[in-house]
N, C-alpha and C. Protein backbone atom coordinates (compact mmCIF):
# COMPACT_ATOMS: atom_id res chain seq x y z
N UNK A 1 112.23 180.91 100.50
CA UNK A 1 113.54 181.39 100.06
C UNK A 1 113.62 181.28 98.54
N UNK A 2 114.11 182.31 97.91
CA UNK A 2 114.21 182.32 96.45
C UNK A 2 115.40 181.52 95.96
N UNK A 3 115.37 181.18 94.68
CA UNK A 3 116.51 180.50 94.07
C UNK A 3 117.76 181.37 94.16
N UNK A 4 117.58 182.67 94.05
CA UNK A 4 118.73 183.58 94.15
C UNK A 4 119.36 183.50 95.54
N UNK A 5 118.54 183.50 96.56
CA UNK A 5 119.06 183.39 97.93
C UNK A 5 119.80 182.07 98.12
N UNK A 6 119.23 180.98 97.62
CA UNK A 6 119.89 179.67 97.72
C UNK A 6 121.22 179.67 96.97
N UNK A 7 121.23 180.29 95.79
CA UNK A 7 122.47 180.34 95.00
C UNK A 7 123.55 181.14 95.73
N UNK A 8 123.18 182.25 96.36
CA UNK A 8 124.14 183.04 97.12
C UNK A 8 124.72 182.22 98.27
N UNK A 9 123.86 181.55 99.02
CA UNK A 9 124.33 180.74 100.15
C UNK A 9 125.20 179.58 99.68
N UNK A 10 124.77 178.88 98.65
CA UNK A 10 125.52 177.74 98.12
C UNK A 10 126.89 178.18 97.60
N UNK A 11 126.94 179.35 96.96
CA UNK A 11 128.20 179.86 96.42
C UNK A 11 129.21 180.12 97.53
N UNK A 12 128.77 180.75 98.62
CA UNK A 12 129.67 181.01 99.75
C UNK A 12 130.12 179.71 100.39
N UNK A 13 129.20 178.78 100.56
CA UNK A 13 129.54 177.48 101.16
C UNK A 13 130.60 176.74 100.36
N UNK A 14 130.53 176.81 99.04
CA UNK A 14 131.45 176.08 98.17
C UNK A 14 132.69 176.87 97.79
N UNK A 15 132.77 178.12 98.20
CA UNK A 15 133.88 178.99 97.83
C UNK A 15 135.17 178.58 98.54
N UNK A 16 136.27 178.96 97.95
CA UNK A 16 137.57 178.74 98.58
C UNK A 16 137.67 179.65 99.80
N UNK A 17 138.55 179.34 100.74
CA UNK A 17 138.73 180.23 101.90
C UNK A 17 139.07 181.67 101.48
N UNK A 18 139.87 181.82 100.44
CA UNK A 18 140.22 183.15 99.98
C UNK A 18 138.98 183.90 99.50
N UNK A 19 138.16 183.27 98.66
CA UNK A 19 136.95 183.92 98.15
C UNK A 19 136.00 184.23 99.29
N UNK A 20 135.84 183.30 100.23
CA UNK A 20 134.98 183.58 101.39
C UNK A 20 135.48 184.79 102.15
N UNK A 21 136.80 184.94 102.28
CA UNK A 21 137.35 186.07 103.02
C UNK A 21 137.03 187.40 102.33
N UNK A 22 136.90 187.39 101.02
CA UNK A 22 136.58 188.62 100.28
C UNK A 22 135.14 189.06 100.51
N UNK A 23 134.26 188.11 100.76
CA UNK A 23 132.84 188.42 100.86
C UNK A 23 132.29 188.31 102.28
N UNK A 24 133.08 187.84 103.23
CA UNK A 24 132.58 187.59 104.59
C UNK A 24 132.16 188.87 105.32
N UNK A 25 132.89 189.96 105.13
CA UNK A 25 132.63 191.18 105.88
C UNK A 25 131.30 191.83 105.51
N UNK A 26 130.89 191.69 104.27
CA UNK A 26 129.67 192.37 103.81
C UNK A 26 128.94 191.49 102.82
N UNK A 27 128.56 190.30 103.24
CA UNK A 27 127.87 189.35 102.36
C UNK A 27 126.43 189.80 102.16
N UNK A 28 126.01 189.92 100.90
CA UNK A 28 124.68 190.40 100.58
C UNK A 28 123.68 189.25 100.51
N UNK A 29 122.42 189.57 100.82
CA UNK A 29 121.33 188.62 100.61
C UNK A 29 120.64 188.95 99.29
N UNK A 30 119.65 188.15 98.91
CA UNK A 30 118.96 188.32 97.63
C UNK A 30 118.27 189.68 97.53
N UNK A 31 117.70 190.15 98.61
CA UNK A 31 117.01 191.45 98.57
C UNK A 31 117.98 192.58 98.25
N UNK A 32 119.15 192.53 98.85
CA UNK A 32 120.14 193.58 98.58
C UNK A 32 120.67 193.48 97.15
N UNK A 33 120.85 192.26 96.65
CA UNK A 33 121.26 192.07 95.25
C UNK A 33 120.21 192.69 94.33
N UNK A 34 118.93 192.43 94.60
CA UNK A 34 117.85 192.95 93.76
C UNK A 34 117.87 194.48 93.73
N UNK A 35 118.01 195.11 94.88
CA UNK A 35 118.04 196.57 94.94
C UNK A 35 119.21 197.10 94.12
N UNK A 36 120.37 196.48 94.26
CA UNK A 36 121.57 196.94 93.54
C UNK A 36 121.40 196.77 92.03
N UNK A 37 120.95 195.60 91.59
CA UNK A 37 120.77 195.35 90.15
C UNK A 37 119.75 196.34 89.58
N UNK A 38 118.65 196.56 90.29
CA UNK A 38 117.61 197.46 89.79
C UNK A 38 118.03 198.92 89.78
N UNK A 39 118.95 199.29 90.65
CA UNK A 39 119.46 200.67 90.67
C UNK A 39 120.54 200.87 89.61
N UNK A 40 121.38 199.86 89.41
CA UNK A 40 122.50 199.97 88.47
C UNK A 40 122.02 199.82 87.04
N UNK A 41 121.18 198.81 86.78
CA UNK A 41 120.55 198.52 85.50
C UNK A 41 121.49 198.03 84.40
N UNK A 42 122.78 198.22 84.52
CA UNK A 42 123.72 197.74 83.50
C UNK A 42 124.31 196.42 83.96
N UNK A 43 124.19 195.42 83.08
CA UNK A 43 124.74 194.11 83.38
C UNK A 43 125.64 193.70 82.22
N UNK A 44 126.78 193.16 82.55
CA UNK A 44 127.69 192.65 81.52
C UNK A 44 127.52 191.14 81.45
N UNK A 45 127.25 190.65 80.25
CA UNK A 45 127.06 189.23 80.01
C UNK A 45 128.24 188.75 79.17
N UNK A 46 128.92 187.71 79.64
CA UNK A 46 130.05 187.15 78.92
C UNK A 46 129.69 185.77 78.38
N UNK A 47 130.02 185.58 77.11
CA UNK A 47 129.76 184.32 76.42
C UNK A 47 131.02 183.94 75.64
N UNK A 48 130.90 182.89 74.85
CA UNK A 48 132.00 182.45 73.99
C UNK A 48 131.49 182.39 72.56
N UNK A 49 132.29 182.92 71.63
CA UNK A 49 131.89 182.93 70.22
C UNK A 49 132.11 181.55 69.59
N UNK A 50 131.65 181.42 68.36
CA UNK A 50 131.82 180.16 67.62
C UNK A 50 133.29 179.82 67.43
N UNK A 51 134.15 180.84 67.37
CA UNK A 51 135.59 180.60 67.23
C UNK A 51 136.28 180.49 68.59
N UNK A 52 135.48 180.30 69.65
CA UNK A 52 135.96 180.10 71.02
C UNK A 52 136.68 181.31 71.61
N UNK A 53 136.30 182.47 71.14
CA UNK A 53 136.85 183.71 71.70
C UNK A 53 135.85 184.28 72.70
N UNK A 54 136.36 184.91 73.76
CA UNK A 54 135.44 185.50 74.74
C UNK A 54 134.71 186.70 74.16
N UNK A 55 133.51 186.91 74.61
CA UNK A 55 132.71 188.05 74.18
C UNK A 55 131.94 188.58 75.39
N UNK A 56 132.03 189.87 75.61
CA UNK A 56 131.28 190.51 76.70
C UNK A 56 130.39 191.58 76.10
N UNK A 57 129.15 191.62 76.55
CA UNK A 57 128.19 192.61 76.06
C UNK A 57 127.49 193.26 77.25
N UNK A 58 127.33 194.56 77.17
CA UNK A 58 126.57 195.27 78.20
C UNK A 58 125.11 195.25 77.79
N UNK A 59 124.24 194.91 78.74
CA UNK A 59 122.80 194.84 78.49
C UNK A 59 122.08 195.56 79.62
N UNK A 60 120.77 195.67 79.48
CA UNK A 60 119.95 196.22 80.55
C UNK A 60 119.57 195.06 81.47
N UNK A 61 119.73 195.26 82.77
CA UNK A 61 119.41 194.22 83.73
C UNK A 61 118.36 194.67 84.73
N UNK A 62 117.65 193.70 85.28
CA UNK A 62 116.68 193.96 86.34
C UNK A 62 116.50 192.69 87.15
N UNK A 63 116.04 192.85 88.37
CA UNK A 63 115.80 191.71 89.24
C UNK A 63 114.37 191.81 89.76
N UNK A 64 113.61 190.75 89.58
CA UNK A 64 112.23 190.71 90.05
C UNK A 64 111.94 189.34 90.62
N UNK A 65 111.33 189.33 91.80
CA UNK A 65 110.92 188.09 92.45
C UNK A 65 112.08 187.09 92.56
N UNK A 66 113.27 187.60 92.89
CA UNK A 66 114.42 186.75 93.10
C UNK A 66 115.06 186.21 91.84
N UNK A 67 114.75 186.80 90.69
CA UNK A 67 115.34 186.36 89.43
C UNK A 67 115.96 187.55 88.72
N UNK A 68 117.14 187.33 88.13
CA UNK A 68 117.84 188.38 87.39
C UNK A 68 117.56 188.18 85.91
N UNK A 69 117.22 189.29 85.23
CA UNK A 69 116.90 189.27 83.80
C UNK A 69 117.82 190.23 83.06
N UNK A 70 117.97 189.99 81.74
CA UNK A 70 118.73 190.92 80.91
C UNK A 70 118.19 190.92 79.49
N UNK A 71 118.48 192.00 78.78
CA UNK A 71 118.00 192.18 77.41
C UNK A 71 119.00 191.64 76.40
N UNK A 72 118.47 191.20 75.26
CA UNK A 72 119.30 190.73 74.15
C UNK A 72 118.65 191.18 72.85
N UNK A 73 119.42 191.82 72.00
CA UNK A 73 118.91 192.21 70.69
C UNK A 73 118.91 190.99 69.77
N UNK A 74 117.78 190.72 69.12
CA UNK A 74 117.75 189.59 68.18
C UNK A 74 118.81 189.78 67.09
N UNK A 75 119.42 188.70 66.70
CA UNK A 75 120.44 188.65 65.65
C UNK A 75 121.79 189.22 66.08
N UNK A 76 121.93 189.68 67.32
CA UNK A 76 123.21 190.21 67.80
C UNK A 76 124.18 189.06 68.04
N UNK A 77 125.45 189.40 68.23
CA UNK A 77 126.44 188.38 68.55
C UNK A 77 126.11 187.71 69.88
N UNK A 78 125.64 188.48 70.84
CA UNK A 78 125.23 187.89 72.11
C UNK A 78 124.13 186.86 71.88
N UNK A 79 123.13 187.19 71.10
CA UNK A 79 122.03 186.27 70.78
C UNK A 79 122.55 185.00 70.11
N UNK A 80 123.45 185.16 69.14
CA UNK A 80 124.01 183.99 68.44
C UNK A 80 124.81 183.11 69.40
N UNK A 81 125.57 183.75 70.29
CA UNK A 81 126.35 182.97 71.26
C UNK A 81 125.44 182.22 72.22
N UNK A 82 124.37 182.86 72.68
CA UNK A 82 123.43 182.19 73.60
C UNK A 82 122.69 181.05 72.91
N UNK A 83 122.42 181.20 71.63
CA UNK A 83 121.75 180.12 70.88
C UNK A 83 122.65 178.90 70.79
N UNK A 84 123.95 179.13 70.73
CA UNK A 84 124.92 178.04 70.63
C UNK A 84 125.18 177.40 72.00
N UNK A 85 125.28 178.25 73.03
CA UNK A 85 125.51 177.77 74.39
C UNK A 85 124.94 178.78 75.37
N UNK A 86 124.07 178.34 76.26
CA UNK A 86 123.46 179.26 77.21
C UNK A 86 124.33 179.57 78.43
N UNK A 87 125.53 179.00 78.50
CA UNK A 87 126.40 179.21 79.66
C UNK A 87 127.01 180.61 79.61
N UNK A 88 126.90 181.33 80.73
CA UNK A 88 127.35 182.72 80.78
C UNK A 88 128.12 182.99 82.06
N UNK A 89 128.85 184.08 82.05
CA UNK A 89 129.33 184.75 83.26
C UNK A 89 128.68 186.12 83.23
N UNK A 90 128.47 186.72 84.39
CA UNK A 90 127.79 188.02 84.42
C UNK A 90 128.34 188.86 85.55
N UNK A 91 128.19 190.17 85.39
CA UNK A 91 128.58 191.09 86.46
C UNK A 91 127.74 192.36 86.38
N UNK A 92 127.47 192.89 87.56
CA UNK A 92 126.80 194.19 87.71
C UNK A 92 127.67 194.94 88.70
N UNK A 93 128.25 196.06 88.26
CA UNK A 93 129.22 196.77 89.10
C UNK A 93 128.98 198.27 89.11
N UNK A 94 129.36 198.88 90.20
CA UNK A 94 129.52 200.32 90.25
C UNK A 94 130.89 200.59 90.86
N UNK A 95 131.16 201.77 91.31
CA UNK A 95 132.49 202.09 91.83
C UNK A 95 132.82 201.40 93.14
N UNK A 96 131.80 200.98 93.88
CA UNK A 96 132.05 200.43 95.21
C UNK A 96 131.60 198.98 95.39
N UNK A 97 130.70 198.50 94.56
CA UNK A 97 130.09 197.20 94.79
C UNK A 97 130.04 196.38 93.51
N UNK A 98 129.86 195.07 93.69
CA UNK A 98 129.76 194.19 92.52
C UNK A 98 128.92 192.96 92.85
N UNK A 99 128.17 192.54 91.85
CA UNK A 99 127.50 191.26 91.84
C UNK A 99 128.10 190.52 90.66
N UNK A 100 128.58 189.30 90.88
CA UNK A 100 129.20 188.57 89.78
C UNK A 100 128.94 187.09 89.94
N UNK A 101 128.91 186.41 88.81
CA UNK A 101 128.67 184.99 88.89
C UNK A 101 128.69 184.33 87.54
N UNK A 102 128.18 183.11 87.54
CA UNK A 102 128.05 182.36 86.30
C UNK A 102 126.78 181.53 86.40
N UNK A 103 126.33 181.07 85.25
CA UNK A 103 125.11 180.28 85.23
C UNK A 103 124.66 180.01 83.82
N UNK A 104 123.36 179.82 83.70
CA UNK A 104 122.74 179.52 82.41
C UNK A 104 121.70 180.59 82.13
N UNK A 105 121.68 181.07 80.89
CA UNK A 105 120.68 182.04 80.46
C UNK A 105 119.53 181.28 79.81
N UNK A 106 118.31 181.57 80.25
CA UNK A 106 117.12 180.92 79.71
C UNK A 106 116.21 182.00 79.12
N UNK A 107 115.74 181.79 77.92
CA UNK A 107 114.86 182.75 77.28
C UNK A 107 113.58 182.89 78.09
N UNK A 108 113.26 184.12 78.50
CA UNK A 108 112.03 184.38 79.25
C UNK A 108 110.92 184.83 78.31
N UNK A 109 111.29 185.45 77.19
CA UNK A 109 110.29 185.86 76.21
C UNK A 109 110.73 187.05 75.39
N UNK A 110 109.94 187.32 74.37
CA UNK A 110 110.13 188.52 73.55
C UNK A 110 109.34 189.64 74.22
N UNK A 111 109.90 190.83 74.24
CA UNK A 111 109.27 191.93 74.97
C UNK A 111 107.85 192.19 74.49
N UNK A 112 107.61 192.17 73.20
CA UNK A 112 106.28 192.47 72.67
C UNK A 112 105.25 191.38 72.99
N UNK A 113 105.73 190.20 73.34
CA UNK A 113 104.83 189.08 73.63
C UNK A 113 104.76 188.77 75.12
N UNK A 114 105.42 189.59 75.94
CA UNK A 114 105.49 189.33 77.38
C UNK A 114 105.18 190.59 78.18
N UNK A 115 103.97 191.15 78.02
CA UNK A 115 103.67 192.41 78.71
C UNK A 115 103.72 192.30 80.23
N UNK A 116 103.30 191.18 80.79
CA UNK A 116 103.34 191.04 82.25
C UNK A 116 104.77 191.06 82.77
N UNK A 117 105.66 190.34 82.08
CA UNK A 117 107.07 190.33 82.47
C UNK A 117 107.67 191.73 82.33
N UNK A 118 107.40 192.40 81.24
CA UNK A 118 107.96 193.73 81.01
C UNK A 118 107.45 194.71 82.07
N UNK A 119 106.17 194.59 82.45
CA UNK A 119 105.61 195.45 83.49
C UNK A 119 106.32 195.18 84.82
N UNK A 120 106.51 193.89 85.17
CA UNK A 120 107.21 193.53 86.43
C UNK A 120 108.61 194.11 86.46
N UNK A 121 109.33 194.00 85.34
CA UNK A 121 110.72 194.47 85.30
C UNK A 121 110.79 195.99 85.34
N UNK A 122 109.84 196.65 84.69
CA UNK A 122 109.79 198.13 84.75
C UNK A 122 109.48 198.58 86.16
N UNK A 123 108.55 197.90 86.81
CA UNK A 123 108.17 198.24 88.18
C UNK A 123 109.35 198.04 89.14
N UNK A 124 110.17 197.01 88.90
CA UNK A 124 111.31 196.73 89.77
C UNK A 124 112.43 197.76 89.58
N UNK A 125 112.57 198.29 88.39
CA UNK A 125 113.66 199.21 88.08
C UNK A 125 113.48 200.54 88.80
N UNK A 126 114.56 201.07 89.31
CA UNK A 126 114.54 202.36 90.00
C UNK A 126 114.05 203.46 89.06
N UNK A 127 114.38 203.35 87.78
CA UNK A 127 113.98 204.37 86.81
C UNK A 127 112.50 204.30 86.44
N UNK A 128 111.85 203.17 86.75
CA UNK A 128 110.45 203.00 86.39
C UNK A 128 110.24 202.47 84.99
N UNK A 129 111.33 202.25 84.26
CA UNK A 129 111.26 201.64 82.94
C UNK A 129 112.31 200.54 82.87
N UNK A 130 112.06 199.55 82.03
CA UNK A 130 113.05 198.49 81.86
C UNK A 130 113.80 198.68 80.55
N UNK A 131 113.08 198.90 79.47
CA UNK A 131 113.71 199.09 78.16
C UNK A 131 113.22 200.40 77.55
N UNK A 132 113.93 200.90 76.55
CA UNK A 132 113.45 202.11 75.88
C UNK A 132 112.08 201.86 75.23
N UNK A 133 111.30 202.88 75.12
CA UNK A 133 109.98 202.79 74.48
C UNK A 133 110.13 202.24 73.06
N UNK A 134 109.29 201.27 72.74
CA UNK A 134 109.31 200.69 71.40
C UNK A 134 110.31 199.59 71.17
N UNK A 135 111.17 199.31 72.15
CA UNK A 135 112.18 198.26 71.98
C UNK A 135 111.48 196.91 71.91
N UNK A 136 111.79 196.14 70.89
CA UNK A 136 111.19 194.81 70.75
C UNK A 136 112.30 193.79 70.62
N UNK A 137 112.77 193.33 71.75
CA UNK A 137 113.86 192.37 71.77
C UNK A 137 113.54 191.22 72.70
N UNK A 138 114.57 190.49 73.03
CA UNK A 138 114.43 189.30 73.86
C UNK A 138 114.86 189.58 75.29
N UNK A 139 114.23 188.88 76.20
CA UNK A 139 114.57 188.99 77.62
C UNK A 139 114.94 187.59 78.09
N UNK A 140 116.12 187.50 78.70
CA UNK A 140 116.60 186.23 79.24
C UNK A 140 116.64 186.31 80.77
N UNK A 141 116.47 185.17 81.39
CA UNK A 141 116.56 185.02 82.85
C UNK A 141 117.85 184.27 83.16
N UNK A 142 118.53 184.66 84.21
CA UNK A 142 119.75 183.96 84.63
C UNK A 142 119.40 182.93 85.69
N UNK A 143 119.86 181.71 85.45
CA UNK A 143 119.78 180.65 86.46
C UNK A 143 121.19 180.50 87.01
N UNK A 144 121.51 181.20 88.11
CA UNK A 144 122.89 181.24 88.59
C UNK A 144 123.33 179.92 89.23
N UNK A 145 124.53 179.50 88.88
CA UNK A 145 125.14 178.35 89.55
C UNK A 145 126.13 178.84 90.60
N UNK A 146 126.71 180.02 90.39
CA UNK A 146 127.59 180.68 91.36
C UNK A 146 127.27 182.17 91.31
N UNK A 147 127.19 182.79 92.48
CA UNK A 147 126.96 184.23 92.53
C UNK A 147 127.52 184.77 93.84
N UNK A 148 128.25 185.86 93.71
CA UNK A 148 128.83 186.54 94.86
C UNK A 148 128.47 188.02 94.78
N UNK A 149 128.28 188.65 95.92
CA UNK A 149 127.90 190.06 95.92
C UNK A 149 128.37 190.75 97.18
N UNK A 150 128.92 191.95 97.00
CA UNK A 150 129.20 192.85 98.12
C UNK A 150 129.65 194.19 97.61
């Protein structure tokens, strides 16, 4: 069982009765989350700025081997916020479904220095690519502490 599957189960177990009622009818497993993230590809990452203001950034997302990843441009506000605190909230949504949660973002590597990771993420993506050609940025992995999906 993947960490993602355990996080999904743990989140439902610890959820309030109201939250459980929202997800009980169509509770997703890790495989379904992966398919959705890889098809949607857009992930919103929420952090807090140095002045304690909320900040949300849209990034490219992918899920491989039970782990969710996202892109970060070096020197961006998102990058600066993650350097200060790796705690995030995240969401992947379309018109009918959503994956949302919170956790810690951990640097997985720089794209130019992580060809195996970039290949895995491109292979997982429905489009067959993870980032635009020539993009040289950072890739973070989410270690979810809470995650809900349906």
